[in-house]
Protein backbone atom coordinates (compact mmCIF):
# COMPACT_ATOMS: atom_id res chain seq x y z
CA MET A 1 0.09 -0.21 0.09
CA LYS A 2 2.65 2.35 0.90
CA PHE A 3 4.49 1.52 -2.14
CA SER A 4 1.67 2.30 -4.74
CA ILE A 5 1.16 5.47 -2.90
CA LEU A 6 4.92 6.61 -3.62
CA TRP A 7 4.54 5.13 -7.24
CA ILE A 8 1.59 7.37 -7.66
CA SER A 9 3.24 11.07 -6.24
CA SER A 10 6.27 10.46 -8.01
CA LEU A 11 4.30 10.22 -11.47
CA ALA A 12 2.32 13.17 -10.29
CA LEU A 13 5.63 15.39 -9.69
CA LEU A 14 7.16 14.38 -12.98
CA LYS A 15 3.92 15.33 -14.50
CA CYS A 16 3.96 18.51 -13.12
CA SER A 17 7.43 19.59 -14.03
CA VAL A 18 6.88 18.72 -17.82
CA LEU A 19 4.09 20.66 -18.10
CA ALA A 20 5.62 23.56 -16.32
CA GLN A 21 8.31 23.63 -18.63
CA VAL A 22 6.08 23.81 -22.04
CA PRO A 23 5.04 27.41 -21.71
CA SER A 24 8.17 28.75 -21.14
CA ASP A 25 9.62 27.01 -24.45
CA LYS A 26 6.65 28.56 -26.20
CA ASN A 27 7.39 32.26 -25.01
CA TYR A 28 11.56 31.81 -25.95
CA ALA A 29 10.23 30.48 -29.42
CA PHE A 30 7.79 33.74 -29.83
CA SER A 31 10.50 36.37 -28.63
CA ASP A 32 12.92 34.72 -31.06
CA LYS A 33 10.65 35.49 -33.97
CA VAL A 34 9.66 38.94 -32.91
CA SER A 35 13.39 39.82 -32.53
CA ALA A 36 14.23 38.29 -35.90
CA LEU A 37 11.64 39.94 -37.78
CA LYS A 38 12.80 43.44 -36.18
CA SER A 39 16.25 42.69 -37.36
CA LYS A 40 15.11 41.56 -40.76
CA SER A 41 12.83 45.16 -40.95
CA SER A 42 15.53 47.35 -40.12
CA GLU A 43 18.11 45.67 -42.19
CA HIS A 44 15.53 46.52 -45.20
CA GLU A 45 14.98 50.14 -44.14
CA ARG A 46 19.03 50.41 -44.13
CA GLN A 47 19.14 49.00 -47.80
CA ILE A 48 16.34 51.42 -49.13
CA SER A 49 18.07 54.26 -47.56
CA GLU A 50 21.31 53.20 -49.17
CA LEU A 51 19.58 53.08 -52.71
CA LEU A 52 17.51 56.67 -52.17
CA SER A 53 21.21 58.27 -51.15
CA GLU A 54 22.57 57.31 -54.41
CA SER A 55 22.17 60.35 -57.00
CA ASN A 56 23.21 58.77 -60.24
CA LEU A 57 20.44 56.55 -60.89
CA THR A 58 19.99 55.52 -64.65
CA PRO A 59 15.91 55.45 -65.66
CA THR A 60 14.86 52.34 -67.27
CA ASN A 61 14.04 52.56 -71.05
CA PHE A 62 10.93 51.24 -71.85
CA ASP A 63 10.60 51.86 -75.68
CA LEU A 64 10.10 48.66 -78.16
CA PRO A 65 12.50 48.32 -80.94
CA VAL A 66 11.66 49.18 -84.32
CA ARG A 67 10.48 46.28 -86.34
CA ARG A 68 12.79 45.56 -89.35
CA THR A 69 10.80 44.64 -92.52
CA ASN A 70 12.68 42.92 -95.60
CA LYS A 71 12.67 45.01 -98.50
CA VAL A 72 10.50 43.55 -101.24
CA PRO A 73 12.60 43.96 -104.83
CA SER A 74 10.16 46.08 -107.27
CA LEU A 75 9.23 44.44 -110.70
CA GLU A 76 11.56 46.63 -112.74
CA SER A 77 14.42 45.28 -110.76
CA MET A 78 13.62 41.67 -111.08
CA PRO A 79 15.29 39.92 -114.24
CA PRO A 80 13.21 39.05 -117.17
CA VAL A 81 11.74 35.55 -116.91
CA PRO A 82 12.81 33.45 -120.40
CA PRO A 83 9.43 32.23 -122.60
CA ALA A 84 8.70 28.50 -121.85
CA PRO A 85 9.41 26.44 -124.94
CA TYR A 86 6.63 26.21 -127.43
CA LEU A 87 5.96 22.95 -129.44
CA PRO A 88 3.02 22.91 -131.73
CA VAL A 89 0.39 20.26 -131.37
CA PRO A 90 0.67 18.06 -134.28
CA GLU A 91 -2.70 17.61 -136.55
CA TYR A 92 -3.38 14.41 -137.84
CA TYR A 93 -5.97 13.91 -140.87
CA GLU A 94 -8.83 11.86 -139.42
CA VAL A 95 -11.12 10.08 -142.22
CA LYS A 96 -14.59 10.58 -141.22
CA LYS A 97 -17.67 8.94 -142.99
CA PRO A 98 -20.82 11.20 -143.14
CA ARG A 99 -23.55 10.02 -140.49
CA GLU A 100 -27.11 10.78 -139.60
CA ILE A 101 -27.55 13.47 -136.49
CA SER A 102 -30.90 12.89 -135.26
CA VAL A 103 -32.43 16.11 -134.25
CA PRO A 104 -35.98 16.93 -133.01
CA ASN A 105 -38.81 17.11 -135.75
CA LYS A 106 -35.86 16.57 -138.61
CA THR A 107 -33.21 14.23 -139.90
CA VAL A 108 -29.66 15.94 -141.21
CA VAL A 109 -26.87 14.24 -143.07
CA PRO A 110 -23.94 16.42 -142.59
CA SER A 111 -22.39 17.32 -146.19
CA THR A 112 -19.40 18.64 -144.93
CA LEU A 113 -17.32 15.39 -144.39
CA PRO A 114 -15.62 13.83 -147.47
CA GLN A 115 -15.58 10.19 -148.03
CA VAL A 116 -12.10 9.04 -148.66
CA SER A 117 -11.12 5.64 -149.95
CA SER A 118 -9.09 3.23 -148.07
CA VAL A 119 -6.39 3.42 -150.62
CA THR A 120 -6.04 6.89 -150.39
CA SER A 121 -5.97 7.03 -146.67
CA ALA A 122 -3.07 4.72 -146.66
CA GLU A 123 -1.08 6.38 -149.03
CA ASN A 124 -1.88 9.81 -146.81
CA ASN A 125 -0.58 8.08 -143.93
CA GLU A 126 2.65 6.97 -145.60
CA SER A 127 3.20 10.33 -146.89
CA ASN A 128 2.81 11.93 -143.22
CA LEU A 129 5.26 9.43 -142.02
CA SER A 130 8.07 10.38 -144.20
CA LYS A 131 7.47 14.05 -143.99
CA GLY A 132 7.98 13.96 -140.14
CA LEU A 133 6.08 16.75 -138.07
CA GLU A 134 4.83 18.54 -141.65
CA LEU A 135 1.18 19.45 -140.58
CA SER A 136 -1.43 19.38 -143.49
CA ASP A 137 -3.98 22.22 -143.65
CA PRO A 138 -6.99 21.52 -141.46
CA ASP A 139 -9.32 23.24 -144.27
CA ASP A 140 -8.80 20.33 -146.36
CA ALA A 141 -10.42 17.97 -144.14
CA THR A 142 -13.52 20.16 -144.19
CA ASN A 143 -13.82 21.98 -147.49
CA PRO A 144 -14.06 19.41 -150.46
CA SER A 145 -12.72 22.00 -152.73
CA ASN A 146 -9.29 22.40 -151.15
CA SER A 147 -9.03 18.49 -150.62
CA ASP A 148 -7.56 16.39 -153.15
CA ASN A 149 -8.36 13.12 -151.29
CA ALA A 150 -12.11 13.58 -151.27
CA ASP A 151 -13.87 11.25 -153.95
CA SER A 152 -17.27 12.09 -153.26
CA VAL A 153 -19.53 14.47 -151.13
CA SER A 154 -22.84 13.42 -149.74
CA THR A 155 -25.54 15.94 -150.30
CA GLU A 156 -27.36 17.33 -147.50
CA VAL A 157 -31.06 15.98 -146.85
CA ILE A 158 -33.07 17.65 -144.34
CA VAL A 159 -36.58 15.74 -143.54
CA TYR A 160 -39.07 17.22 -141.28
CA GLU A 161 -40.61 14.61 -139.14
CA ARG A 162 -43.97 14.38 -138.39
CA HIS A 163 -44.80 16.19 -134.95
CA GLU A 164 -46.68 14.52 -132.40
CA GLY A 165 -48.63 16.93 -129.88
CA TYR A 166 -50.67 20.19 -129.73
CA TYR A 167 -51.10 22.43 -132.58
CA PHE A 168 -53.18 25.52 -133.41
CA GLY A 169 -53.67 27.69 -136.37
CA PRO A 170 -56.01 29.96 -138.26
CA LEU A 171 -58.70 28.92 -141.34
CA ILE A 172 -59.59 30.90 -144.34
CA GLY A 173 -61.60 29.80 -147.11
CA PHE A 174 -64.36 30.19 -149.75
CA THR A 175 -67.90 28.89 -149.55
CA PHE A 176 -70.22 28.00 -152.18
CA PRO A 177 -73.52 27.74 -150.73
CA LYS A 178 -76.54 26.22 -152.15
CA ASP A 179 -80.09 27.93 -152.36
CA GLY A 180 -82.06 28.28 -149.15
CA ALA A 181 -85.09 29.44 -147.89
CA VAL A 182 -86.78 31.31 -144.91
CA ARG A 183 -90.15 30.53 -143.27
CA ASP A 184 -92.22 34.03 -142.61
CA LEU A 185 -95.00 33.76 -140.62
CA VAL A 186 -96.91 35.95 -142.83
CA ASN A 187 -95.59 35.05 -146.24
CA GLY A 188 -94.77 31.29 -145.78
CA LYS A 189 -91.63 30.05 -147.34
CA ILE A 190 -89.78 32.58 -148.92
CA PRO A 191 -86.89 30.72 -151.28
CA PHE A 192 -83.63 32.67 -152.29
CA GLU A 193 -80.85 31.91 -154.26
CA SER A 194 -77.26 32.19 -152.41
CA GLU A 195 -74.09 33.83 -153.51
CA SER A 196 -70.72 32.49 -152.91
CA GLY A 197 -68.91 33.71 -149.65
CA TYR A 198 -66.08 33.31 -147.22
CA LEU A 199 -65.07 31.39 -144.30
CA LEU A 200 -62.91 32.43 -141.21
CA GLY A 201 -61.70 30.58 -138.07
CA LEU A 202 -59.18 29.00 -135.83
CA GLN A 203 -58.60 25.41 -134.69
CA PHE A 204 -56.74 23.86 -132.05
CA GLY A 205 -56.01 20.16 -131.95
CA LYS A 206 -53.59 17.34 -131.09
CA ASP A 207 -51.85 14.83 -133.25
CA PHE A 208 -51.93 11.44 -132.18
CA ASP A 209 -49.57 10.01 -135.21
CA THR A 210 -52.14 9.00 -137.67
CA VAL A 211 -55.37 10.13 -135.97
CA ARG A 212 -56.05 14.18 -135.02
CA TRP A 213 -58.65 15.40 -132.96
CA GLU A 214 -59.51 19.15 -133.48
CA ALA A 215 -61.77 21.76 -131.98
CA GLU A 216 -62.67 24.76 -134.35
CA TYR A 217 -64.79 27.93 -134.23
CA SER A 218 -65.34 29.29 -137.81
CA PHE A 219 -67.96 32.02 -139.31
CA GLN A 220 -69.24 31.41 -142.52
CA GLY A 221 -71.19 34.74 -144.38
CA PHE A 222 -72.86 35.17 -147.81
CA ASP A 223 -75.52 36.92 -149.34
CA GLY A 224 -78.98 35.44 -150.55
CA GLN A 225 -81.47 37.21 -153.27
CA ALA A 226 -85.09 36.29 -152.95
CA ILE A 227 -86.06 34.30 -156.15
CA GLY A 228 -88.22 36.38 -158.28
CA GLY A 229 -86.53 39.98 -156.82
CA GLY A 230 -87.37 41.61 -153.55
CA ASN A 231 -85.46 40.86 -150.32
CA ASN A 232 -81.69 40.58 -150.20
CA TYR A 233 -80.71 38.42 -147.15
CA LYS A 234 -77.31 38.33 -145.17
CA VAL A 235 -76.63 35.10 -144.11
CA GLY A 236 -74.17 34.41 -141.00
CA SER A 237 -73.14 31.17 -139.21
CA HIS A 238 -70.95 31.16 -136.30
CA GLY A 239 -69.84 27.07 -135.69
CA LEU A 240 -68.41 25.28 -132.80
CA LEU A 241 -67.39 22.14 -134.12
CA THR A 242 -65.39 19.29 -132.57
CA ARG A 243 -63.62 16.81 -135.33
CA LEU A 244 -61.96 13.56 -135.82
CA VAL A 245 -59.39 13.15 -138.55
CA ILE A 246 -57.55 10.19 -139.93
CA GLU A 247 -54.41 10.82 -141.67
CA HIS A 248 -52.44 8.65 -144.16
CA GLU A 249 -48.66 9.70 -144.95
CA LEU A 250 -47.87 9.86 -148.72
CA GLY A 251 -44.40 10.81 -148.56
CA GLU A 252 -41.81 12.23 -146.23
CA SER A 253 -43.76 15.76 -146.00
CA PHE A 254 -47.00 14.96 -147.44
CA ASP A 255 -50.39 13.67 -145.83
CA LEU A 256 -53.79 12.43 -147.02
CA ARG A 257 -56.60 13.09 -144.52
CA ALA A 258 -60.28 12.44 -144.15
CA GLY A 259 -62.64 13.48 -141.07
CA LEU A 260 -66.11 13.97 -139.60
CA GLY A 261 -66.85 17.15 -137.60
CA MET A 262 -70.12 17.98 -135.61
CA GLY A 263 -71.09 20.88 -133.46
CA VAL A 264 -73.82 23.60 -132.98
CA GLY A 265 -74.25 26.53 -135.28
CA PHE A 266 -75.94 30.09 -134.31
CA ILE A 267 -77.26 31.03 -137.73
CA SER A 268 -78.70 34.35 -138.59
CA ILE A 269 -80.39 35.15 -141.93
CA GLU A 270 -81.44 39.39 -141.84
CA ASP A 271 -83.46 41.25 -144.29
CA SER A 272 -85.85 43.66 -142.91
CA GLN A 273 -86.37 41.13 -139.99
CA GLU A 274 -84.26 38.78 -138.57
CA TYR A 275 -84.49 34.84 -138.87
CA SER A 276 -82.20 33.17 -136.18
CA GLY A 277 -81.80 30.08 -134.36
CA GLU A 278 -79.41 27.40 -133.37
CA SER A 279 -79.03 24.06 -135.22
CA PHE A 280 -77.13 21.08 -135.20
CA ILE A 281 -74.07 21.30 -137.84
CA TYR A 282 -71.66 18.84 -139.11
CA ASP A 283 -69.22 18.39 -142.02
CA PHE A 284 -67.05 16.06 -143.92
CA VAL A 285 -63.39 16.84 -144.75
CA ILE A 286 -61.13 15.40 -147.25
CA GLY A 287 -57.58 17.01 -147.93
CA VAL A 288 -53.84 17.16 -148.08
CA GLY A 289 -51.23 18.29 -145.60
CA TYR A 290 -47.67 19.58 -146.61
CA ARG A 291 -44.74 20.06 -143.90
CA PHE A 292 -42.42 23.06 -144.98
CA ARG A 293 -41.06 24.05 -141.64
CA GLU A 294 -40.02 22.02 -138.29
CA ASN A 295 -43.03 23.45 -136.53
CA LEU A 296 -45.16 24.67 -139.32
CA SER A 297 -47.34 22.51 -141.56
CA LEU A 298 -50.18 23.82 -144.48
CA GLY A 299 -53.31 21.87 -145.03
CA ILE A 300 -55.66 22.01 -148.02
CA ASP A 301 -59.22 20.70 -147.55
CA TYR A 302 -62.52 20.63 -148.98
CA ARG A 303 -65.59 20.36 -146.46
CA TYR A 304 -69.34 19.70 -147.30
CA PHE A 305 -71.08 21.35 -144.78
CA LEU A 306 -74.91 21.01 -143.29
CA SER A 307 -77.07 21.96 -141.16
CA ALA A 308 -80.31 21.27 -139.45
CA ALA A 309 -83.58 23.02 -140.40
CA GLU A 310 -85.45 25.25 -138.11
CA ASP A 311 -88.75 27.01 -137.73
CA ALA A 312 -87.44 30.22 -139.09
CA TYR A 313 -84.94 28.55 -142.02
CA ASP A 314 -84.66 25.60 -144.00
CA ARG A 315 -81.04 23.64 -143.84
CA ILE A 316 -78.16 25.35 -144.97
CA SER A 317 -75.52 23.37 -147.35
CA SER A 318 -72.38 24.30 -148.71
CA HIS A 319 -69.24 23.61 -150.35
CA ILE A 320 -66.16 24.97 -148.90
CA PHE A 321 -62.44 24.79 -150.07
CA VAL A 322 -60.38 25.78 -146.61
CA ALA A 323 -56.38 26.81 -146.11
CA SER A 324 -55.34 26.17 -142.58
CA ALA A 325 -51.99 26.78 -141.05
CA ASN A 326 -50.71 24.58 -138.21
CA PHE A 327 -48.48 25.97 -135.69
CA ASP A 328 -47.04 23.07 -133.52
CA LEU A 329 -46.75 23.64 -129.70
């Protein structure tokens, strides 16, 4: 028991001595730091005072150096460049045969290319090899008059092919009507003699190779004289027709055609009073066509025209010769 008490008391004394020494060590370290800082500060002040006491201080130059540029030589001072050597390209004589060129609505056989026999071309090749770089005249290959090697020249043949598609064109013609009659409520039926007249119109259609469909407006006008003297009549017929035409080729540019048209006509016969009405009209057509341009053809037709009779007039019939020009679209 006594031994344990002594052991504990010795440990307590040792701990107190250790704890008592720590604060003294800390105070000593802090005082050393403060004294070192003061000595450094006094040394710094001394160095600054020495620098300020110097009178000959050189100022610092902050100017940027001038950039040096390379001098570009002028074009006049440059030596001339010698031209590159030029070698002419040899032109060899090429024999071509005429060929057909397909162009829309026509076929052209060029006539500018000469036909040269194989024997002649072989002789030309040998002569060219012997002459080396001697060049032939390019005009000799295209101009038959300058070339001695051309045996014959093909003639140019232009064929305007048949156009398939839409077209339109004007109509003009002469009409030779038969005699007719008007029906008056007071005097009854009054016959008249018809004189020759004219026809004007416009047509629009589509060509299906061998068949045509047409729509037409036409005006037919002529005069009439009452039989036995008396009244003079002016007859006018506005017609709207649709027509079906069948064509047959007679050659490269000619066509033979026949067709049937039907529609409605607005007929007016005028004298002291007017006799008018609407009638069913139709015609029979036969004629020929000729194409003389790429998109233009001319037609000559004969038509037999008929209209139905109405209460105010008898039927009108006439022989018509029509010329038409069709422009392809």
